[in-house]
């Protein structure tokens, strides 16, 4: 599975645009980039463990870009409603910087369900929504990202 993840994620995570997220804190000591990589890897692992039939490329790419809002939400005073508005900002930024398909756009736009009232329309979106909640809890409660590969954060 690590090889599949690396093949799909590589073209995104190697870009300077994606790496901008390393400068922003997501939860605890976890950067937004680390969080997105953890959500992407866990999404793929979960989908495979559950034997779900879905588009793995769209799953991983959508998960990598689900929080591509490019600011530190802890210091972003004008947007007090970050939890509700960041999916739209992430989708705008990701659409500008990456070629996205419809499933990837759906993953990004709806990953905050039920905070964003419209649920995902695709299985990939549901998986990322659940993986995001799991990884967030891990980062907040355990103070570390999901890291399935020994010695890595992703």
N, C-alpha and C. Protein backbone atom coordinates (compact mmCIF):
# COMPACT_ATOMS: atom_id res chain seq x y z
N UNK A 1 0.80 -1.19 0.00
CA UNK A 1 0.00 0.00 0.00
C UNK A 1 0.85 1.26 0.00
N UNK A 2 1.99 1.23 0.66
CA UNK A 2 2.86 2.40 0.72
C UNK A 2 3.30 2.82 -0.68
N UNK A 3 3.52 1.83 -1.55
CA UNK A 3 3.94 2.15 -2.92
C UNK A 3 2.82 2.86 -3.68
N UNK A 4 1.60 2.39 -3.51
CA UNK A 4 0.46 3.02 -4.17
C UNK A 4 0.30 4.45 -3.67
N UNK A 5 0.38 4.62 -2.35
CA UNK A 5 0.26 5.97 -1.78
C UNK A 5 1.34 6.88 -2.36
N UNK A 6 2.58 6.42 -2.36
CA UNK A 6 3.69 7.25 -2.86
C UNK A 6 3.50 7.60 -4.33
N UNK A 7 3.03 6.65 -5.12
CA UNK A 7 2.82 6.91 -6.56
C UNK A 7 1.76 7.96 -6.79
N UNK A 8 0.67 7.89 -6.03
CA UNK A 8 -0.43 8.84 -6.20
C UNK A 8 -0.10 10.18 -5.56
N UNK A 9 0.42 10.15 -4.34
CA UNK A 9 0.66 11.38 -3.59
C UNK A 9 1.87 12.16 -4.09
N UNK A 10 2.87 11.46 -4.56
CA UNK A 10 4.13 12.09 -4.94
C UNK A 10 4.01 13.34 -5.79
N UNK A 11 3.28 13.28 -6.91
CA UNK A 11 3.18 14.47 -7.75
C UNK A 11 2.57 15.69 -7.05
N UNK A 12 1.77 15.47 -6.04
CA UNK A 12 1.18 16.59 -5.28
C UNK A 12 2.13 17.04 -4.19
N UNK A 13 2.61 16.11 -3.37
CA UNK A 13 3.40 16.50 -2.19
C UNK A 13 4.77 17.07 -2.55
N UNK A 14 5.25 16.81 -3.74
CA UNK A 14 6.55 17.37 -4.14
C UNK A 14 6.45 18.80 -4.66
N UNK A 15 5.24 19.32 -4.83
CA UNK A 15 5.10 20.68 -5.35
C UNK A 15 5.37 21.72 -4.27
N UNK A 16 5.90 22.86 -4.69
CA UNK A 16 6.12 23.98 -3.76
C UNK A 16 4.79 24.48 -3.22
N UNK A 17 3.75 24.41 -4.04
CA UNK A 17 2.43 24.87 -3.60
C UNK A 17 1.95 24.05 -2.40
N UNK A 18 2.00 22.74 -2.52
CA UNK A 18 1.56 21.88 -1.41
C UNK A 18 2.42 22.10 -0.18
N UNK A 19 3.72 22.24 -0.36
CA UNK A 19 4.65 22.36 0.76
C UNK A 19 4.45 23.66 1.55
N UNK A 20 3.71 24.62 0.99
CA UNK A 20 3.38 25.83 1.74
C UNK A 20 2.66 25.49 3.04
N UNK A 21 1.90 24.40 3.05
CA UNK A 21 1.12 24.03 4.22
C UNK A 21 1.99 23.66 5.42
N UNK A 22 3.28 23.40 5.20
CA UNK A 22 4.19 23.07 6.31
C UNK A 22 4.37 24.26 7.24
N UNK A 23 4.11 25.46 6.75
CA UNK A 23 4.30 26.68 7.55
C UNK A 23 3.14 26.96 8.50
N UNK A 24 2.05 26.23 8.37
CA UNK A 24 0.85 26.52 9.15
C UNK A 24 0.54 25.38 10.12
N UNK A 25 0.21 25.75 11.35
CA UNK A 25 -0.15 24.76 12.36
C UNK A 25 -1.60 24.36 12.19
N UNK A 26 -1.86 23.07 12.27
CA UNK A 26 -3.22 22.56 12.18
C UNK A 26 -3.77 22.26 13.57
N UNK A 27 -3.23 21.23 14.21
CA UNK A 27 -3.65 20.83 15.56
C UNK A 27 -2.41 20.53 16.39
N UNK A 28 -2.31 21.12 17.58
CA UNK A 28 -1.16 20.86 18.44
C UNK A 28 0.12 21.26 17.75
N UNK A 29 1.03 20.27 17.60
CA UNK A 29 2.31 20.52 16.93
C UNK A 29 2.30 20.00 15.49
N UNK A 30 1.15 19.63 15.00
CA UNK A 30 1.02 19.07 13.66
C UNK A 30 0.78 20.18 12.65
N UNK A 31 1.56 20.20 11.59
CA UNK A 31 1.35 21.20 10.53
C UNK A 31 0.16 20.77 9.67
N UNK A 32 -0.35 21.72 8.93
CA UNK A 32 -1.46 21.41 8.01
C UNK A 32 -0.99 20.40 6.97
N UNK A 33 0.26 20.51 6.52
CA UNK A 33 0.78 19.55 5.55
C UNK A 33 0.83 18.14 6.15
N UNK A 34 1.34 18.01 7.37
CA UNK A 34 1.39 16.70 8.02
C UNK A 34 -0.01 16.13 8.20
N UNK A 35 -0.94 16.99 8.62
CA UNK A 35 -2.32 16.55 8.81
C UNK A 35 -2.91 16.02 7.50
N UNK A 36 -2.73 16.75 6.42
CA UNK A 36 -3.30 16.32 5.14
C UNK A 36 -2.67 15.03 4.65
N UNK A 37 -1.36 14.88 4.86
CA UNK A 37 -0.71 13.63 4.47
C UNK A 37 -1.23 12.46 5.32
N UNK A 38 -1.41 12.70 6.60
CA UNK A 38 -1.93 11.64 7.48
C UNK A 38 -3.34 11.25 7.07
N UNK A 39 -4.19 12.24 6.78
CA UNK A 39 -5.57 11.95 6.37
C UNK A 39 -5.57 11.17 5.06
N UNK A 40 -4.70 11.54 4.14
CA UNK A 40 -4.64 10.84 2.85
C UNK A 40 -4.20 9.39 3.03
N UNK A 41 -3.14 9.17 3.81
CA UNK A 41 -2.64 7.81 4.00
C UNK A 41 -3.67 6.96 4.75
N UNK A 42 -4.24 7.51 5.82
CA UNK A 42 -5.23 6.76 6.59
C UNK A 42 -6.47 6.48 5.75
N UNK A 43 -6.88 7.43 4.91
CA UNK A 43 -8.04 7.20 4.03
C UNK A 43 -7.81 6.00 3.13
N UNK A 44 -6.63 5.93 2.54
CA UNK A 44 -6.31 4.81 1.66
C UNK A 44 -6.25 3.50 2.46
N UNK A 45 -5.61 3.53 3.62
CA UNK A 45 -5.52 2.32 4.45
C UNK A 45 -6.91 1.85 4.88
N UNK A 46 -7.75 2.76 5.29
CA UNK A 46 -9.11 2.42 5.72
C UNK A 46 -9.92 1.85 4.55
N UNK A 47 -9.86 2.50 3.40
CA UNK A 47 -10.62 2.04 2.24
C UNK A 47 -10.19 0.63 1.84
N UNK A 48 -8.90 0.38 1.89
CA UNK A 48 -8.42 -0.96 1.54
C UNK A 48 -8.81 -1.98 2.59
N UNK A 49 -8.72 -1.62 3.86
CA UNK A 49 -9.09 -2.55 4.93
C UNK A 49 -10.57 -2.92 4.85
N UNK A 50 -11.39 -1.97 4.44
CA UNK A 50 -12.83 -2.20 4.32
C UNK A 50 -13.21 -2.77 2.94
N UNK A 51 -12.20 -2.91 2.08
CA UNK A 51 -12.41 -3.43 0.72
C UNK A 51 -13.44 -2.61 -0.06
N UNK A 52 -13.34 -1.29 0.09
CA UNK A 52 -14.26 -0.40 -0.60
C UNK A 52 -13.83 -0.23 -2.04
N UNK A 53 -14.80 -0.23 -2.92
CA UNK A 53 -14.53 0.02 -4.33
C UNK A 53 -14.67 1.51 -4.55
N UNK A 54 -13.53 2.14 -4.84
CA UNK A 54 -13.54 3.58 -5.09
C UNK A 54 -12.33 3.97 -5.92
N UNK A 55 -12.26 5.22 -6.27
CA UNK A 55 -11.16 5.77 -7.06
C UNK A 55 -10.05 6.18 -6.10
N UNK A 56 -9.02 5.34 -5.97
CA UNK A 56 -7.96 5.60 -5.01
C UNK A 56 -7.19 6.89 -5.33
N UNK A 57 -7.02 7.19 -6.59
CA UNK A 57 -6.31 8.42 -6.97
C UNK A 57 -7.09 9.64 -6.49
N UNK A 58 -8.38 9.67 -6.74
CA UNK A 58 -9.20 10.80 -6.29
C UNK A 58 -9.27 10.87 -4.77
N UNK A 59 -9.33 9.71 -4.14
CA UNK A 59 -9.35 9.65 -2.67
C UNK A 59 -8.11 10.31 -2.08
N UNK A 60 -6.94 9.88 -2.54
CA UNK A 60 -5.68 10.39 -1.99
C UNK A 60 -5.49 11.86 -2.33
N UNK A 61 -5.70 12.23 -3.58
CA UNK A 61 -5.51 13.63 -3.97
C UNK A 61 -6.51 14.56 -3.27
N UNK A 62 -7.75 14.15 -3.17
CA UNK A 62 -8.74 14.97 -2.46
C UNK A 62 -8.37 15.13 -0.99
N UNK A 63 -7.91 14.04 -0.37
CA UNK A 63 -7.50 14.10 1.04
C UNK A 63 -6.28 15.00 1.22
N UNK A 64 -5.32 14.90 0.33
CA UNK A 64 -4.13 15.75 0.43
C UNK A 64 -4.48 17.24 0.37
N UNK A 65 -5.52 17.56 -0.37
CA UNK A 65 -5.86 18.97 -0.59
C UNK A 65 -7.07 19.43 0.21
N UNK A 66 -7.60 18.59 1.09
CA UNK A 66 -8.85 18.93 1.77
C UNK A 66 -8.73 20.16 2.67
N UNK A 67 -7.54 20.45 3.18
CA UNK A 67 -7.33 21.63 4.02
C UNK A 67 -6.32 22.59 3.39
N UNK A 68 -6.38 22.74 2.11
CA UNK A 68 -5.45 23.59 1.35
C UNK A 68 -5.92 25.06 1.39
N UNK A 69 -6.15 25.57 2.60
CA UNK A 69 -6.65 26.94 2.75
C UNK A 69 -5.52 27.96 2.87
N UNK A 70 -4.32 27.51 3.21
CA UNK A 70 -3.09 28.31 3.17
C UNK A 70 -3.07 29.52 4.11
N UNK A 71 -3.49 29.33 5.32
CA UNK A 71 -3.31 30.33 6.37
C UNK A 71 -3.31 29.61 7.71
N UNK A 72 -2.81 30.28 8.74
CA UNK A 72 -2.86 29.71 10.08
C UNK A 72 -4.19 30.09 10.69
N UNK A 73 -5.08 29.16 10.82
CA UNK A 73 -6.43 29.46 11.29
C UNK A 73 -6.45 29.91 12.74
N UNK A 74 -5.38 29.67 13.48
CA UNK A 74 -5.31 30.13 14.87
C UNK A 74 -5.14 31.64 14.94
N UNK A 75 -4.51 32.22 13.92
CA UNK A 75 -4.23 33.66 13.88
C UNK A 75 -5.07 34.41 12.86
N UNK A 76 -5.97 33.74 12.21
CA UNK A 76 -6.72 34.35 11.10
C UNK A 76 -8.00 35.00 11.63
N UNK A 77 -7.84 36.14 12.32
CA UNK A 77 -8.95 36.81 13.00
C UNK A 77 -10.14 37.15 12.11
N UNK A 78 -9.93 37.59 10.87
CA UNK A 78 -11.12 37.96 10.07
C UNK A 78 -12.08 36.80 9.81
N UNK A 79 -11.59 35.58 9.90
CA UNK A 79 -12.43 34.42 9.61
C UNK A 79 -12.70 33.64 10.90
N UNK A 80 -13.58 34.14 11.74
CA UNK A 80 -13.92 33.46 12.99
C UNK A 80 -14.67 32.16 12.74
N UNK A 81 -15.15 31.97 11.56
CA UNK A 81 -15.96 30.80 11.21
C UNK A 81 -15.16 29.79 10.41
N UNK A 82 -13.87 29.72 10.67
CA UNK A 82 -12.97 28.85 9.90
C UNK A 82 -13.51 27.44 9.71
N UNK A 83 -14.04 26.83 10.77
CA UNK A 83 -14.52 25.46 10.68
C UNK A 83 -15.60 25.27 9.62
N UNK A 84 -16.34 26.33 9.36
CA UNK A 84 -17.43 26.26 8.39
C UNK A 84 -17.02 26.76 7.01
N UNK A 85 -16.03 27.66 6.95
CA UNK A 85 -15.70 28.30 5.68
C UNK A 85 -14.46 27.77 4.99
N UNK A 86 -13.58 27.08 5.72
CA UNK A 86 -12.32 26.69 5.10
C UNK A 86 -12.46 25.69 3.95
N UNK A 87 -13.48 24.84 3.90
CA UNK A 87 -13.57 23.97 2.72
C UNK A 87 -13.70 24.76 1.42
N UNK A 88 -14.46 25.84 1.46
CA UNK A 88 -14.61 26.67 0.25
C UNK A 88 -13.27 27.30 -0.14
N UNK A 89 -12.54 27.83 0.84
CA UNK A 89 -11.24 28.44 0.57
C UNK A 89 -10.26 27.38 0.06
N UNK A 90 -10.26 26.20 0.66
CA UNK A 90 -9.38 25.13 0.22
C UNK A 90 -9.69 24.72 -1.22
N UNK A 91 -10.97 24.64 -1.55
CA UNK A 91 -11.36 24.28 -2.92
C UNK A 91 -10.93 25.36 -3.91
N UNK A 92 -11.11 26.61 -3.56
CA UNK A 92 -10.68 27.71 -4.45
C UNK A 92 -9.17 27.63 -4.70
N UNK A 93 -8.39 27.47 -3.64
CA UNK A 93 -6.93 27.41 -3.78
C UNK A 93 -6.49 26.17 -4.55
N UNK A 94 -7.07 25.02 -4.22
CA UNK A 94 -6.69 23.78 -4.89
C UNK A 94 -7.07 23.82 -6.38
N UNK A 95 -8.23 24.40 -6.68
CA UNK A 95 -8.65 24.52 -8.09
C UNK A 95 -7.71 25.43 -8.87
N UNK A 96 -7.18 26.42 -8.20
CA UNK A 96 -6.24 27.35 -8.84
C UNK A 96 -4.90 26.67 -9.11
N UNK A 97 -4.42 25.85 -8.17
CA UNK A 97 -3.06 25.32 -8.23
C UNK A 97 -2.93 23.89 -8.76
N UNK A 98 -4.04 23.16 -8.83
CA UNK A 98 -4.01 21.76 -9.27
C UNK A 98 -5.20 21.49 -10.19
N UNK A 99 -5.03 20.54 -11.12
CA UNK A 99 -6.14 20.10 -11.97
C UNK A 99 -6.94 19.07 -11.16
N UNK A 100 -8.18 19.41 -10.84
CA UNK A 100 -9.02 18.54 -10.01
C UNK A 100 -10.15 17.94 -10.81
N UNK A 101 -10.52 16.72 -10.48
CA UNK A 101 -11.72 16.13 -11.08
C UNK A 101 -12.91 16.35 -10.12
N UNK A 102 -14.06 15.93 -10.52
CA UNK A 102 -15.27 16.16 -9.72
C UNK A 102 -15.26 15.48 -8.36
N UNK A 103 -14.71 14.29 -8.28
CA UNK A 103 -14.66 13.58 -7.00
C UNK A 103 -13.72 14.31 -6.05
N UNK A 104 -12.58 14.75 -6.53
CA UNK A 104 -11.63 15.49 -5.70
C UNK A 104 -12.25 16.79 -5.19
N UNK A 105 -12.96 17.50 -6.06
CA UNK A 105 -13.65 18.73 -5.64
C UNK A 105 -14.70 18.43 -4.57
N UNK A 106 -15.42 17.33 -4.72
CA UNK A 106 -16.43 16.93 -3.74
C UNK A 106 -15.78 16.61 -2.39
N UNK A 107 -14.67 15.90 -2.41
CA UNK A 107 -13.96 15.56 -1.17
C UNK A 107 -13.59 16.85 -0.42
N UNK A 108 -13.00 17.79 -1.12
CA UNK A 108 -12.55 19.04 -0.49
C UNK A 108 -13.74 19.85 0.01
N UNK A 109 -14.75 20.00 -0.80
CA UNK A 109 -15.89 20.85 -0.45
C UNK A 109 -16.73 20.32 0.70
N UNK A 110 -16.78 18.99 0.86
CA UNK A 110 -17.72 18.41 1.83
C UNK A 110 -17.08 17.67 2.99
N UNK A 111 -15.76 17.77 3.15
CA UNK A 111 -15.09 16.98 4.21
C UNK A 111 -15.48 17.42 5.62
N UNK A 112 -16.08 18.57 5.78
CA UNK A 112 -16.45 19.05 7.13
C UNK A 112 -17.89 18.69 7.50
N UNK A 113 -18.54 17.85 6.74
CA UNK A 113 -19.87 17.40 7.11
C UNK A 113 -19.80 16.75 8.50
N UNK A 114 -20.67 17.05 9.40
CA UNK A 114 -21.93 17.79 9.29
C UNK A 114 -21.83 19.29 9.57
N UNK A 115 -20.62 19.83 9.84
CA UNK A 115 -20.49 21.27 10.04
C UNK A 115 -20.87 22.04 8.78
N UNK A 116 -20.49 21.50 7.63
CA UNK A 116 -20.98 22.00 6.35
C UNK A 116 -22.18 21.12 6.02
N UNK A 117 -23.36 21.71 5.86
CA UNK A 117 -24.59 20.90 5.84
C UNK A 117 -24.74 19.92 4.68
N UNK A 118 -24.06 20.15 3.57
CA UNK A 118 -24.20 19.24 2.43
C UNK A 118 -23.23 18.07 2.58
N UNK A 119 -23.72 16.83 2.61
CA UNK A 119 -22.83 15.68 2.75
C UNK A 119 -22.07 15.38 1.45
N UNK A 120 -20.98 14.63 1.57
CA UNK A 120 -20.27 14.20 0.36
C UNK A 120 -21.19 13.39 -0.55
N UNK A 121 -20.95 13.48 -1.86
CA UNK A 121 -21.77 12.75 -2.83
C UNK A 121 -21.11 11.44 -3.27
N UNK A 122 -19.86 11.26 -2.90
CA UNK A 122 -19.11 10.09 -3.35
C UNK A 122 -18.52 9.35 -2.16
N UNK A 123 -18.26 8.05 -2.33
CA UNK A 123 -17.65 7.25 -1.27
C UNK A 123 -16.34 7.86 -0.80
N UNK A 124 -15.56 8.36 -1.75
CA UNK A 124 -14.27 8.95 -1.41
C UNK A 124 -14.43 10.08 -0.40
N UNK A 125 -15.46 10.89 -0.59
CA UNK A 125 -15.72 11.99 0.34
C UNK A 125 -16.08 11.52 1.73
N UNK A 126 -16.86 10.45 1.81
CA UNK A 126 -17.23 9.89 3.12
C UNK A 126 -16.00 9.34 3.83
N UNK A 127 -15.14 8.66 3.10
CA UNK A 127 -13.93 8.09 3.71
C UNK A 127 -13.04 9.21 4.24
N UNK A 128 -12.83 10.24 3.45
CA UNK A 128 -11.97 11.35 3.88
C UNK A 128 -12.60 12.09 5.06
N UNK A 129 -13.91 12.25 5.06
CA UNK A 129 -14.59 12.90 6.17
C UNK A 129 -14.33 12.14 7.47
N UNK A 130 -14.45 10.82 7.44
CA UNK A 130 -14.19 10.00 8.63
C UNK A 130 -12.71 10.01 9.00
N UNK A 131 -11.84 9.90 8.02
CA UNK A 131 -10.40 9.90 8.28
C UNK A 131 -9.96 11.24 8.87
N UNK A 132 -10.53 12.31 8.39
CA UNK A 132 -10.20 13.64 8.91
C UNK A 132 -10.56 13.75 10.38
N UNK A 133 -11.74 13.25 10.75
CA UNK A 133 -12.17 13.30 12.15
C UNK A 133 -11.24 12.44 13.02
N UNK A 134 -10.89 11.26 12.55
CA UNK A 134 -10.00 10.37 13.29
C UNK A 134 -8.63 11.02 13.48
N UNK A 135 -8.05 11.52 12.40
CA UNK A 135 -6.72 12.12 12.49
C UNK A 135 -6.73 13.38 13.36
N UNK A 136 -7.79 14.15 13.28
CA UNK A 136 -7.90 15.34 14.13
C UNK A 136 -7.93 14.95 15.60
N UNK A 137 -8.74 13.97 15.94
CA UNK A 137 -8.79 13.52 17.34
C UNK A 137 -7.42 13.03 17.81
N UNK A 138 -6.75 12.29 16.97
CA UNK A 138 -5.42 11.79 17.33
C UNK A 138 -4.45 12.94 17.56
N UNK A 139 -4.48 13.93 16.68
CA UNK A 139 -3.57 15.08 16.80
C UNK A 139 -3.88 15.92 18.04
N UNK A 140 -5.14 16.08 18.35
CA UNK A 140 -5.54 16.90 19.50
C UNK A 140 -5.33 16.15 20.81
N UNK A 141 -5.79 14.92 20.87
CA UNK A 141 -5.73 14.17 22.13
C UNK A 141 -4.36 13.54 22.41
N UNK A 142 -3.74 13.03 21.36
CA UNK A 142 -2.46 12.33 21.55
C UNK A 142 -1.26 13.21 21.17
N UNK A 143 -1.55 14.36 20.62
CA UNK A 143 -0.51 15.33 20.23
C UNK A 143 0.46 14.79 19.18
N UNK A 144 -0.06 13.94 18.28
CA UNK A 144 0.80 13.47 17.19
C UNK A 144 -0.07 13.02 16.02
N UNK A 145 0.47 13.17 14.81
CA UNK A 145 -0.29 12.74 13.64
C UNK A 145 -0.29 11.23 13.47
N UNK A 146 -1.23 10.74 12.69
CA UNK A 146 -1.26 9.32 12.31
C UNK A 146 -0.02 9.06 11.47
N UNK A 147 0.83 8.14 11.90
CA UNK A 147 2.07 7.86 11.18
C UNK A 147 2.28 6.36 11.06
N UNK A 148 1.73 5.75 10.02
CA UNK A 148 1.81 4.29 9.89
C UNK A 148 3.17 3.76 9.47
N UNK A 149 3.99 4.61 8.90
CA UNK A 149 5.31 4.15 8.46
C UNK A 149 6.33 4.51 9.54
N UNK A 150 7.04 3.52 10.03
CA UNK A 150 8.01 3.71 11.11
C UNK A 150 8.98 4.84 10.77
N UNK A 151 9.10 5.78 11.70
CA UNK A 151 10.06 6.87 11.54
C UNK A 151 9.61 7.99 10.63
N UNK A 152 8.34 8.00 10.24
CA UNK A 152 7.88 9.07 9.37
C UNK A 152 6.61 9.70 9.93
N UNK A 153 6.34 10.87 9.46
CA UNK A 153 5.05 11.49 9.73
C UNK A 153 4.23 11.39 8.47
N UNK A 154 4.79 11.25 7.37
CA UNK A 154 4.21 11.03 6.06
C UNK A 154 5.11 11.65 5.05
